[in-house]
Amino acid sequence: MTRTMTGGCLCRRIRYSVKIEDDEAYLCHCNYCRHATGGVSIAFKNVDQADVEWTAAPPDWYQSSPIARRPFCATCGTPLGFQFLEGSEKMDLTVGSFDEPGHFRPTSNFSIETKLDAWEDTSHLPGQRLDEHPGAVDRWMKTLGKLPD
């Protein structure tokens, strides 16, 4: 069932709307994606380029490799996706840039030859809620008067 979903960057300067066919997403572990995002991997949703509508300002773009370019926000730095320079009608949007990222579920890994195995399963590690961190709570309350959503 097709569903229209929205997303965008942290500062909300760039917004998008896109038709989504399913809840499948994937993790890319390639060195380019790690360096482009500063993460150990990046979660992507593959979509038809024609189904993406940039509803506020269009994204900024940079060529991240000889074969691809990436949309991002030059104001806040949010990585928004990945697109081959030629030969594909598809593109990827970063799962974290969707307004409802919990809609998606990981179904595959890409570029597994460079995957950082130590980061594959962190479920056994201790965790802490934001509201249990006095320093962060104090800063948010002084600045915003509440904790972020």
Protein backbone atom coordinates (compact mmCIF):
# COMPACT_ATOMS: atom_id res chain seq x y z
CA MET A 1 0.00 0.00 0.00
CA THR A 2 1.45 3.34 -1.06
CA ARG A 3 1.89 5.92 1.67
CA THR A 4 3.15 9.49 1.43
CA MET A 5 5.75 10.30 4.07
CA THR A 6 7.60 13.48 4.92
CA GLY A 7 11.02 14.36 6.23
CA GLY A 8 13.80 16.87 6.12
CA CYS A 9 16.80 18.34 7.85
CA LEU A 10 17.34 19.29 11.48
CA CYS A 11 16.80 23.03 10.96
CA ARG A 12 13.73 22.37 8.78
CA ARG A 13 15.03 24.52 5.91
CA ILE A 14 14.85 21.49 3.61
CA ARG A 15 11.71 19.36 3.61
CA TYR A 16 10.54 16.55 1.36
CA SER A 17 7.51 14.42 0.63
CA VAL A 18 7.85 10.98 -0.92
CA LYS A 19 5.68 8.04 -1.91
CA ILE A 20 6.65 4.91 0.01
CA GLU A 21 5.63 1.43 -1.15
CA ASP A 22 6.79 -0.63 1.85
CA ASP A 23 8.63 -0.45 5.17
CA GLU A 24 11.90 -2.00 3.94
CA ALA A 25 15.18 -0.15 4.45
CA TYR A 26 18.83 -1.14 4.45
CA LEU A 27 22.14 -0.32 6.10
CA CYS A 28 25.12 0.74 4.01
CA HIS A 29 28.53 0.03 5.52
CA CYS A 30 30.76 1.42 2.78
CA ASN A 31 33.63 3.74 3.60
CA TYR A 32 32.09 6.57 1.57
CA CYS A 33 28.86 6.47 3.57
CA ARG A 34 30.73 6.26 6.87
CA HIS A 35 32.82 9.30 6.01
CA ALA A 36 29.85 11.22 4.55
CA THR A 37 27.77 10.76 7.70
CA GLY A 38 30.33 10.30 10.46
CA GLY A 39 28.51 7.12 11.47
CA VAL A 40 29.50 3.46 11.59
CA SER A 41 26.84 2.81 8.93
CA ILE A 42 23.88 4.66 7.46
CA ALA A 43 20.25 3.57 7.18
CA PHE A 44 18.68 4.27 3.78
CA LYS A 45 15.25 3.94 2.20
CA ASN A 46 15.47 3.37 -1.54
CA VAL A 47 12.81 5.35 -3.46
CA ASP A 48 11.96 6.40 -7.00
CA GLN A 49 13.53 9.80 -7.71
CA ALA A 50 10.31 10.85 -9.45
CA ASP A 51 8.39 10.28 -6.20
CA VAL A 52 10.51 12.73 -4.18
CA GLU A 53 9.18 16.27 -3.94
CA TRP A 54 11.34 18.87 -2.22
CA THR A 55 8.62 20.94 -0.56
CA ALA A 56 10.61 23.79 1.03
CA ALA A 57 14.06 24.77 -0.22
CA PRO A 58 15.75 22.25 -2.49
CA PRO A 59 18.67 20.39 -0.94
CA ASP A 60 22.26 21.32 -1.44
CA TRP A 61 24.26 18.65 -3.30
CA TYR A 62 27.86 17.56 -3.44
CA GLN A 63 29.60 14.92 -5.50
CA SER A 64 30.86 12.44 -2.91
CA SER A 65 32.61 10.04 -5.26
CA PRO A 66 33.24 9.57 -8.98
CA ILE A 67 29.87 7.79 -9.30
CA ALA A 68 27.51 9.53 -6.86
CA ARG A 69 26.25 12.72 -5.28
CA ARG A 70 24.49 13.40 -1.99
CA PRO A 71 21.78 15.83 -0.92
CA PHE A 72 22.33 17.64 2.37
CA CYS A 73 21.52 20.88 4.18
CA ALA A 74 24.33 23.41 4.02
CA THR A 75 22.82 25.27 6.99
CA CYS A 76 22.63 22.48 9.59
CA GLY A 77 24.69 19.75 7.91
CA THR A 78 22.04 17.00 7.85
CA PRO A 79 22.84 14.23 5.33
CA LEU A 80 19.65 13.52 3.38
CA GLY A 81 20.54 10.79 0.92
CA PHE A 82 22.49 9.28 -1.92
CA GLN A 83 22.05 9.30 -5.70
CA PHE A 84 24.06 7.76 -8.53
CA LEU A 85 25.20 10.36 -11.07
CA GLU A 86 23.68 8.37 -13.92
CA GLY A 87 21.97 5.14 -14.81
CA SER A 88 19.34 4.92 -12.09
CA GLU A 89 15.83 6.22 -11.55
CA LYS A 90 16.18 5.42 -7.85
CA MET A 91 17.79 7.28 -4.98
CA ASP A 92 18.21 6.76 -1.25
CA LEU A 93 16.86 8.94 1.54
CA THR A 94 18.36 8.69 5.01
CA VAL A 95 15.96 6.90 7.36
CA GLY A 96 16.87 9.31 10.15
CA SER A 97 15.67 12.30 8.11
CA PHE A 98 12.10 10.97 7.92
CA ASP A 99 9.57 12.45 10.35
CA GLU A 100 8.54 8.88 11.24
CA PRO A 101 11.73 6.81 10.98
CA GLY A 102 10.18 4.09 13.13
CA HIS A 103 7.99 3.13 10.17
CA PHE A 104 10.98 1.41 8.56
CA ARG A 105 12.71 -1.84 9.40
CA PRO A 106 16.15 -2.97 8.27
CA THR A 107 15.96 -5.82 5.77
CA SER A 108 19.51 -5.99 4.40
CA ASN A 109 23.11 -4.82 4.67
CA PHE A 110 25.14 -3.41 1.78
CA SER A 111 28.94 -3.34 1.38
CA ILE A 112 29.39 -5.97 4.07
CA GLU A 113 33.08 -6.36 3.24
CA THR A 114 33.72 -3.10 5.15
CA LYS A 115 31.17 -3.61 7.92
CA LEU A 116 32.45 -2.85 11.42
CA ASP A 117 31.48 -6.09 13.16
CA ALA A 118 31.85 -4.69 16.70
CA TRP A 119 28.94 -2.32 15.99
CA GLU A 120 26.59 -4.90 14.49
CA ASP A 121 24.72 -5.72 17.70
CA THR A 122 24.78 -3.20 20.55
CA SER A 123 21.69 -4.54 22.31
CA HIS A 124 23.80 -6.01 25.12
CA LEU A 125 25.31 -2.63 26.06
CA PRO A 126 23.97 -0.58 28.99
CA GLY A 127 21.67 2.27 28.06
CA GLN A 128 20.61 5.59 29.52
CA ARG A 129 17.53 7.68 28.87
CA LEU A 130 17.96 11.39 28.07
CA ASP A 131 15.80 12.34 31.05
CA GLU A 132 18.22 10.45 33.32
CA HIS A 133 21.20 12.63 32.33
CA PRO A 134 21.17 15.68 34.65
CA GLY A 135 23.59 17.74 32.55
CA ALA A 136 21.61 17.31 29.35
CA VAL A 137 18.26 17.83 31.11
CA ASP A 138 19.52 21.05 32.72
CA ARG A 139 20.79 22.41 29.41
CA TRP A 140 17.54 21.62 27.56
CA MET A 141 15.37 23.06 30.32
CA LYS A 142 17.39 26.30 30.48
CA THR A 143 17.39 26.68 26.71
CA LEU A 144 14.02 25.30 25.60
CA GLY A 145 12.01 24.91 28.78
CA LYS A 146 11.41 21.24 27.98
CA LEU A 147 13.14 18.14 26.71
CA PRO A 148 13.28 17.70 22.93
CA ASP A 149 10.77 15.45 21.20
